[in-house]
Amino acid sequence: MKKKSIVLLCLLIFSMLIAYYFYQKNQNEEFVRWGDSIHTVNTEILKENDIEYKIENDKVYIPKSSLRKATFCCS
């Protein structure tokens, strides 16, 4: 019984570390400007292709890791 508890505890700790890693990866991701302004970018296409974006000062920014995907689907 004690052995099962130790194994479950190790799996729980491992799962928490994996979740923390992916959470940190998304938090530190660099965003790059996509298009000239909000008026020239079709954000619906970004949504349809599951590309995260944010809008600041009427400019659209996407994660640097999604740049290739956005170029392929939205150009």
PDB file of N, CA and C in Angstrom:
ATOM      1  N   MET A   1       0.819  -1.193   0.000  1.00  0.00           N
ATOM      2  CA  MET A   1       0.000   0.000   0.000  1.00  0.00           C
ATOM      3  C   MET A   1       0.864   1.259   0.000  1.00  0.00           C
ATOM      4  N   LYS A   2       1.938   1.218   0.764  1.00  0.00           N
ATOM      5  CA  LYS A   2       2.824   2.372   0.831  1.00  0.00           C
ATOM      6  C   LYS A   2       3.501   2.622  -0.519  1.00  0.00           C
ATOM      7  N   LYS A   3       3.809   1.536  -1.215  1.00  0.00           N
ATOM      8  CA  LYS A   3       4.456   1.657  -2.513  1.00  0.00           C
ATOM      9  C   LYS A   3       3.530   2.352  -3.519  1.00  0.00           C
ATOM     10  N   LYS A   4       2.238   2.019  -3.484  1.00  0.00           N
ATOM     11  CA  LYS A   4       1.270   2.656  -4.378  1.00  0.00           C
ATOM     12  C   LYS A   4       1.158   4.149  -4.082  1.00  0.00           C
ATOM     13  N   SER A   5       1.191   4.501  -2.815  1.00  0.00           N
ATOM     14  CA  SER A   5       1.097   5.913  -2.434  1.00  0.00           C
ATOM     15  C   SER A   5       2.286   6.702  -2.960  1.00  0.00           C
ATOM     16  N   ILE A   6       3.456   6.121  -2.879  1.00  0.00           N
ATOM     17  CA  ILE A   6       4.664   6.795  -3.363  1.00  0.00           C
ATOM     18  C   ILE A   6       4.599   6.963  -4.879  1.00  0.00           C
ATOM     19  N   VAL A   7       4.158   5.945  -5.587  1.00  0.00           N
ATOM     20  CA  VAL A   7       4.045   6.020  -7.043  1.00  0.00           C
ATOM     21  C   VAL A   7       3.026   7.087  -7.438  1.00  0.00           C
ATOM     22  N   LEU A   8       1.883   7.111  -6.775  1.00  0.00           N
ATOM     23  CA  LEU A   8       0.862   8.116  -7.075  1.00  0.00           C
ATOM     24  C   LEU A   8       1.360   9.523  -6.769  1.00  0.00           C
ATOM     25  N   LEU A   9       2.085   9.680  -5.690  1.00  0.00           N
ATOM     26  CA  LEU A   9       2.643  10.982  -5.335  1.00  0.00           C
ATOM     27  C   LEU A   9       3.652  11.435  -6.391  1.00  0.00           C
ATOM     28  N   CYS A  10       4.486  10.530  -6.854  1.00  0.00           N
ATOM     29  CA  CYS A  10       5.461  10.867  -7.901  1.00  0.00           C
ATOM     30  C   CYS A  10       4.757  11.259  -9.197  1.00  0.00           C
ATOM     31  N   LEU A  11       3.708  10.541  -9.568  1.00  0.00           N
ATOM     32  CA  LEU A  11       2.948  10.881 -10.770  1.00  0.00           C
ATOM     33  C   LEU A  11       2.277  12.244 -10.638  1.00  0.00           C
ATOM     34  N   LEU A  12       1.769  12.539  -9.462  1.00  0.00           N
ATOM     35  CA  LEU A  12       1.138  13.831  -9.229  1.00  0.00           C
ATOM     36  C   LEU A  12       2.153  14.962  -9.355  1.00  0.00           C
ATOM     37  N   ILE A  13       3.305  14.803  -8.753  1.00  0.00           N
ATOM     38  CA  ILE A  13       4.353  15.824  -8.827  1.00  0.00           C
ATOM     39  C   ILE A  13       4.829  15.994 -10.268  1.00  0.00           C
ATOM     40  N   PHE A  14       5.015  14.898 -10.969  1.00  0.00           N
ATOM     41  CA  PHE A  14       5.437  14.959 -12.370  1.00  0.00           C
ATOM     42  C   PHE A  14       4.396  15.691 -13.221  1.00  0.00           C
ATOM     43  N   SER A  15       3.127  15.391 -13.016  1.00  0.00           N
ATOM     44  CA  SER A  15       2.053  16.059 -13.765  1.00  0.00           C
ATOM     45  C   SER A  15       2.029  17.551 -13.484  1.00  0.00           C
ATOM     46  N   MET A  16       2.247  17.929 -12.242  1.00  0.00           N
ATOM     47  CA  MET A  16       2.263  19.347 -11.880  1.00  0.00           C
ATOM     48  C   MET A  16       3.437  20.065 -12.540  1.00  0.00           C
ATOM     49  N   LEU A  17       4.588  19.419 -12.599  1.00  0.00           N
ATOM     50  CA  LEU A  17       5.750  20.022 -13.246  1.00  0.00           C
ATOM     51  C   LEU A  17       5.522  20.209 -14.746  1.00  0.00           C
ATOM     52  N   ILE A  18       4.918  19.237 -15.381  1.00  0.00           N
ATOM     53  CA  ILE A  18       4.614  19.339 -16.814  1.00  0.00           C
ATOM     54  C   ILE A  18       3.628  20.484 -17.059  1.00  0.00           C
ATOM     55  N   ALA A  19       2.575  20.574 -16.251  1.00  0.00           N
ATOM     56  CA  ALA A  19       1.585  21.644 -16.410  1.00  0.00           C
ATOM     57  C   ALA A  19       2.232  23.006 -16.192  1.00  0.00           C
ATOM     58  N   TYR A  20       3.086  23.116 -15.209  1.00  0.00           N
ATOM     59  CA  TYR A  20       3.773  24.380 -14.932  1.00  0.00           C
ATOM     60  C   TYR A  20       4.677  24.777 -16.099  1.00  0.00           C
ATOM     61  N   TYR A  21       5.359  23.818 -16.676  1.00  0.00           N
ATOM     62  CA  TYR A  21       6.240  24.088 -17.817  1.00  0.00           C
ATOM     63  C   TYR A  21       5.452  24.685 -18.981  1.00  0.00           C
ATOM     64  N   PHE A  22       4.336  24.058 -19.333  1.00  0.00           N
ATOM     65  CA  PHE A  22       3.548  24.561 -20.459  1.00  0.00           C
ATOM     66  C   PHE A  22       2.885  25.891 -20.135  1.00  0.00           C
ATOM     67  N   TYR A  23       2.513  26.102 -18.887  1.00  0.00           N
ATOM     68  CA  TYR A  23       1.933  27.385 -18.489  1.00  0.00           C
ATOM     69  C   TYR A  23       2.975  28.490 -18.638  1.00  0.00           C
ATOM     70  N   GLN A  24       4.182  28.258 -18.190  1.00  0.00           N
ATOM     71  CA  GLN A  24       5.254  29.247 -18.288  1.00  0.00           C
ATOM     72  C   GLN A  24       5.616  29.517 -19.745  1.00  0.00           C
ATOM     73  N   LYS A  25       5.590  28.491 -20.573  1.00  0.00           N
ATOM     74  CA  LYS A  25       5.934  28.657 -21.979  1.00  0.00           C
ATOM     75  C   LYS A  25       4.974  29.635 -22.644  1.00  0.00           C
ATOM     76  N   ASN A  26       3.692  29.522 -22.339  1.00  0.00           N
ATOM     77  CA  ASN A  26       2.702  30.424 -22.926  1.00  0.00           C
ATOM     78  C   ASN A  26       2.801  31.827 -22.353  1.00  0.00           C
ATOM     79  N   GLN A  27       3.194  31.960 -21.121  1.00  0.00           N
ATOM     80  CA  GLN A  27       3.269  33.267 -20.485  1.00  0.00           C
ATOM     81  C   GLN A  27       4.434  34.091 -21.006  1.00  0.00           C
ATOM     82  N   ASN A  28       5.519  33.442 -21.374  1.00  0.00           N
ATOM     83  CA  ASN A  28       6.725  34.152 -21.787  1.00  0.00           C
ATOM     84  C   ASN A  28       6.840  34.309 -23.301  1.00  0.00           C
ATOM     85  N   GLU A  29       5.822  33.912 -24.007  1.00  0.00           N
ATOM     86  CA  GLU A  29       5.921  33.925 -25.463  1.00  0.00           C
ATOM     87  C   GLU A  29       5.916  35.353 -26.005  1.00  0.00           C
ATOM     88  N   GLU A  30       6.778  35.579 -26.964  1.00  0.00           N
ATOM     89  CA  GLU A  30       6.903  36.901 -27.576  1.00  0.00           C
ATOM     90  C   GLU A  30       5.849  37.063 -28.671  1.00  0.00           C
ATOM     91  N   PHE A  31       5.197  38.211 -28.682  1.00  0.00           N
ATOM     92  CA  PHE A  31       4.206  38.519 -29.709  1.00  0.00           C
ATOM     93  C   PHE A  31       4.831  39.450 -30.741  1.00  0.00           C
ATOM     94  N   VAL A  32       4.465  39.243 -32.000  1.00  0.00           N
ATOM     95  CA  VAL A  32       4.958  40.082 -33.092  1.00  0.00           C
ATOM     96  C   VAL A  32       3.759  40.713 -33.795  1.00  0.00           C
ATOM     97  N   ARG A  33       3.986  41.860 -34.396  1.00  0.00           N
ATOM     98  CA  ARG A  33       2.899  42.570 -35.062  1.00  0.00           C
ATOM     99  C   ARG A  33       2.503  41.849 -36.340  1.00  0.00           C
ATOM    100  N   TRP A  34       1.198  41.745 -36.556  1.00  0.00           N
ATOM    101  CA  TRP A  34       0.658  41.088 -37.734  1.00  0.00           C
ATOM    102  C   TRP A  34      -0.210  42.093 -38.480  1.00  0.00           C
ATOM    103  N   GLY A  35       0.221  42.518 -39.629  1.00  0.00           N
ATOM    104  CA  GLY A  35      -0.532  43.483 -40.421  1.00  0.00           C
ATOM    105  C   GLY A  35      -0.280  44.914 -39.970  1.00  0.00           C
ATOM    106  N   ASP A  36      -0.905  45.843 -40.679  1.00  0.00           N
ATOM    107  CA  ASP A  36      -0.696  47.260 -40.381  1.00  0.00           C
ATOM    108  C   ASP A  36      -1.581  47.751 -39.249  1.00  0.00           C
ATOM    109  N   SER A  37      -2.857  47.383 -39.277  1.00  0.00           N
ATOM    110  CA  SER A  37      -3.776  47.834 -38.228  1.00  0.00           C
ATOM    111  C   SER A  37      -4.916  46.834 -38.102  1.00  0.00           C
ATOM    112  N   ILE A  38      -5.756  47.051 -37.113  1.00  0.00           N
ATOM    113  CA  ILE A  38      -6.906  46.175 -36.896  1.00  0.00           C
ATOM    114  C   ILE A  38      -7.849  46.204 -38.095  1.00  0.00           C
ATOM    115  N   HIS A  39      -7.827  47.279 -38.844  1.00  0.00           N
ATOM    116  CA  HIS A  39      -8.731  47.432 -39.985  1.00  0.00           C
ATOM    117  C   HIS A  39      -8.267  46.639 -41.209  1.00  0.00           C
ATOM    118  N   THR A  40      -7.006  46.257 -41.257  1.00  0.00           N
ATOM    119  CA  THR A  40      -6.491  45.508 -42.412  1.00  0.00           C
ATOM    120  C   THR A  40      -6.300  44.024 -42.122  1.00  0.00           C
ATOM    121  N   VAL A  41      -6.538  43.605 -40.881  1.00  0.00           N
ATOM    122  CA  VAL A  41      -6.345  42.205 -40.501  1.00  0.00           C
ATOM    123  C   VAL A  41      -7.707  41.561 -40.269  1.00  0.00           C
ATOM    124  N   ASN A  42      -7.931  40.413 -40.874  1.00  0.00           N
ATOM    125  CA  ASN A  42      -9.172  39.675 -40.673  1.00  0.00           C
ATOM    126  C   ASN A  42      -8.991  38.752 -39.468  1.00  0.00           C
ATOM    127  N   THR A  43      -9.445  39.200 -38.314  1.00  0.00           N
ATOM    128  CA  THR A  43      -9.267  38.421 -37.087  1.00  0.00           C
ATOM    129  C   THR A  43     -10.133  37.167 -37.075  1.00  0.00           C
ATOM    130  N   GLU A  44     -11.184  37.138 -37.876  1.00  0.00           N
ATOM    131  CA  GLU A  44     -12.022  35.935 -37.948  1.00  0.00           C
ATOM    132  C   GLU A  44     -11.226  34.747 -38.491  1.00  0.00           C
ATOM    133  N   ILE A  45     -10.373  34.993 -39.464  1.00  0.00           N
ATOM    134  CA  ILE A  45      -9.542  33.909 -40.009  1.00  0.00           C
ATOM    135  C   ILE A  45      -8.562  33.420 -38.945  1.00  0.00           C
ATOM    136  N   LEU A  46      -8.030  34.342 -38.157  1.00  0.00           N
ATOM    137  CA  LEU A  46      -7.137  33.933 -37.069  1.00  0.00           C
ATOM    138  C   LEU A  46      -7.890  33.048 -36.080  1.00  0.00           C
ATOM    139  N   LYS A  47      -9.113  33.432 -35.724  1.00  0.00           N
ATOM    140  CA  LYS A  47      -9.924  32.628 -34.800  1.00  0.00           C
ATOM    141  C   LYS A  47     -10.213  31.252 -35.381  1.00  0.00           C
ATOM    142  N   GLU A  48     -10.607  31.208 -36.650  1.00  0.00           N
ATOM    143  CA  GLU A  48     -10.941  29.933 -37.293  1.00  0.00           C
ATOM    144  C   GLU A  48      -9.760  28.970 -37.311  1.00  0.00           C
ATOM    145  N   ASN A  49      -8.554  29.505 -37.361  1.00  0.00           N
ATOM    146  CA  ASN A  49      -7.351  28.669 -37.407  1.00  0.00           C
ATOM    147  C   ASN A  49      -6.676  28.530 -36.051  1.00  0.00           C
ATOM    148  N   ASP A  50      -7.397  28.867 -34.992  1.00  0.00           N
ATOM    149  CA  ASP A  50      -6.907  28.726 -33.611  1.00  0.00           C
ATOM    150  C   ASP A  50      -5.581  29.434 -33.388  1.00  0.00           C
ATOM    151  N   ILE A  51      -5.472  30.637 -33.912  1.00  0.00           N
ATOM    152  CA  ILE A  51      -4.276  31.444 -33.705  1.00  0.00           C
ATOM    153  C   ILE A  51      -4.616  32.531 -32.696  1.00  0.00           C
ATOM    154  N   GLU A  52      -3.920  32.488 -31.584  1.00  0.00           N
ATOM    155  CA  GLU A  52      -4.138  33.484 -30.537  1.00  0.00           C
ATOM    156  C   GLU A  52      -3.678  34.846 -31.048  1.00  0.00           C
ATOM    157  N   TYR A  53      -4.379  35.885 -30.663  1.00  0.00           N
ATOM    158  CA  TYR A  53      -3.957  37.231 -31.032  1.00  0.00           C
ATOM    159  C   TYR A  53      -4.377  38.202 -29.945  1.00  0.00           C
ATOM    160  N   LYS A  54      -3.713  39.337 -29.921  1.00  0.00           N
ATOM    161  CA  LYS A  54      -4.128  40.403 -29.014  1.00  0.00           C
ATOM    162  C   LYS A  54      -4.059  41.722 -29.772  1.00  0.00           C
ATOM    163  N   ILE A  55      -4.868  42.657 -29.341  1.00  0.00           N
ATOM    164  CA  ILE A  55      -4.955  43.955 -30.001  1.00  0.00           C
ATOM    165  C   ILE A  55      -4.497  45.025 -29.020  1.00  0.00           C
ATOM    166  N   GLU A  56      -3.520  45.803 -29.442  1.00  0.00           N
ATOM    167  CA  GLU A  56      -3.014  46.922 -28.643  1.00  0.00           C
ATOM    168  C   GLU A  56      -2.822  48.118 -29.563  1.00  0.00           C
ATOM    169  N   ASN A  57      -3.392  49.241 -29.192  1.00  0.00           N
ATOM    170  CA  ASN A  57      -3.261  50.482 -29.971  1.00  0.00           C
ATOM    171  C   ASN A  57      -3.650  50.290 -31.434  1.00  0.00           C
ATOM    172  N   ASP A  58      -4.765  49.610 -31.671  1.00  0.00           N
ATOM    173  CA  ASP A  58      -5.277  49.337 -33.023  1.00  0.00           C
ATOM    174  C   ASP A  58      -4.313  48.528 -33.888  1.00  0.00           C
ATOM    175  N   LYS A  59      -3.456  47.752 -33.271  1.00  0.00           N
ATOM    176  CA  LYS A  59      -2.548  46.866 -33.997  1.00  0.00           C
ATOM    177  C   LYS A  59      -2.756  45.440 -33.483  1.00  0.00           C
ATOM    178  N   VAL A  60      -2.649  44.474 -34.383  1.00  0.00           N
ATOM    179  CA  VAL A  60      -2.854  43.071 -34.039  1.00  0.00           C
ATOM    180  C   VAL A  60      -1.499  42.407 -33.839  1.00  0.00           C
ATOM    181  N   TYR A  61      -1.374  41.657 -32.747  1.00  0.00           N
ATOM    182  CA  TYR A  61      -0.146  40.927 -32.434  1.00  0.00           C
ATOM    183  C   TYR A  61      -0.478  39.448 -32.294  1.00  0.00           C
ATOM    184  N   ILE A  62       0.391  38.594 -32.849  1.00  0.00           N
ATOM    185  CA  ILE A  62       0.239  37.151 -32.731  1.00  0.00           C
ATOM    186  C   ILE A  62       1.513  36.577 -32.113  1.00  0.00           C
ATOM    187  N   PRO A  63       1.427  35.383 -31.506  1.00  0.00           N
ATOM    188  CA  PRO A  63       2.632  34.764 -30.950  1.00  0.00           C
ATOM    189  C   PRO A  63       3.646  34.462 -32.047  1.00  0.00           C
ATOM    190  N   LYS A  64       4.896  34.633 -31.707  1.00  0.00           N
ATOM    191  CA  LYS A  64       5.963  34.379 -32.683  1.00  0.00           C
ATOM    192  C   LYS A  64       5.930  32.929 -33.165  1.00  0.00           C
ATOM    193  N   SER A  65       5.530  32.014 -32.288  1.00  0.00           N
ATOM    194  CA  SER A  65       5.481  30.601 -32.672  1.00  0.00           C
ATOM    195  C   SER A  65       4.361  30.312 -33.673  1.00  0.00           C
ATOM    196  N   SER A  66       3.381  31.194 -33.788  1.00  0.00           N
ATOM    197  CA  SER A  66       2.268  31.005 -34.729  1.00  0.00           C
ATOM    198  C   SER A  66       2.463  31.755 -36.036  1.00  0.00           C
ATOM    199  N   LEU A  67       3.598  32.379 -36.207  1.00  0.00           N
ATOM    200  CA  LEU A  67       3.839  33.208 -37.383  1.00  0.00           C
ATOM    201  C   LEU A  67       3.757  32.405 -38.682  1.00  0.00           C
ATOM    202  N   ARG A  68       4.358  31.245 -38.715  1.00  0.00           N
ATOM    203  CA  ARG A  68       4.342  30.418 -39.925  1.00  0.00           C
ATOM    204  C   ARG A  68       2.918  29.950 -40.245  1.00  0.00           C
ATOM    205  N   LYS A  69       2.197  29.534 -39.220  1.00  0.00           N
ATOM    206  CA  LYS A  69       0.817  29.089 -39.415  1.00  0.00           C
ATOM    207  C   LYS A  69      -0.053  30.238 -39.933  1.00  0.00           C
ATOM    208  N   ALA A  70       0.125  31.427 -39.379  1.00  0.00           N
ATOM    209  CA  ALA A  70      -0.653  32.590 -39.813  1.00  0.00           C
ATOM    210  C   ALA A  70      -0.299  32.976 -41.245  1.00  0.00           C
ATOM    211  N   THR A  71       0.956  32.882 -41.593  1.00  0.00           N
ATOM    212  CA  THR A  71       1.375  33.201 -42.958  1.00  0.00           C
ATOM    213  C   THR A  71       0.739  32.233 -43.948  1.00  0.00           C
ATOM    214  N   PHE A  72       0.693  30.960 -43.578  1.00  0.00           N
ATOM    215  CA  PHE A  72       0.131  29.939 -44.461  1.00  0.00           C
ATOM    216  C   PHE A  72      -1.372  30.119 -44.652  1.00  0.00           C
ATOM    217  N   CYS A  73      -2.095  30.402 -43.578  1.00  0.00           N
ATOM    218  CA  CYS A  73      -3.554  30.432 -43.682  1.00  0.00           C
ATOM    219  C   CYS A  73      -4.122  31.804 -44.017  1.00  0.00           C
ATOM    220  N   CYS A  74      -3.417  32.851 -43.722  1.00  0.00           N
ATOM    221  CA  CYS A  74      -4.008  34.189 -43.803  1.00  0.00           C
ATOM    222  C   CYS A  74      -3.380  35.084 -44.856  1.00  0.00           C
ATOM    223  N   SER A  75      -2.463  34.587 -45.632  1.00  0.00           N
ATOM    224  CA  SER A  75      -1.823  35.439 -46.650  1.00  0.00           C
ATOM    225  C   SER A  75      -2.444  35.231 -48.010  1.00  0.00           C
TER     226      SER A  75
END
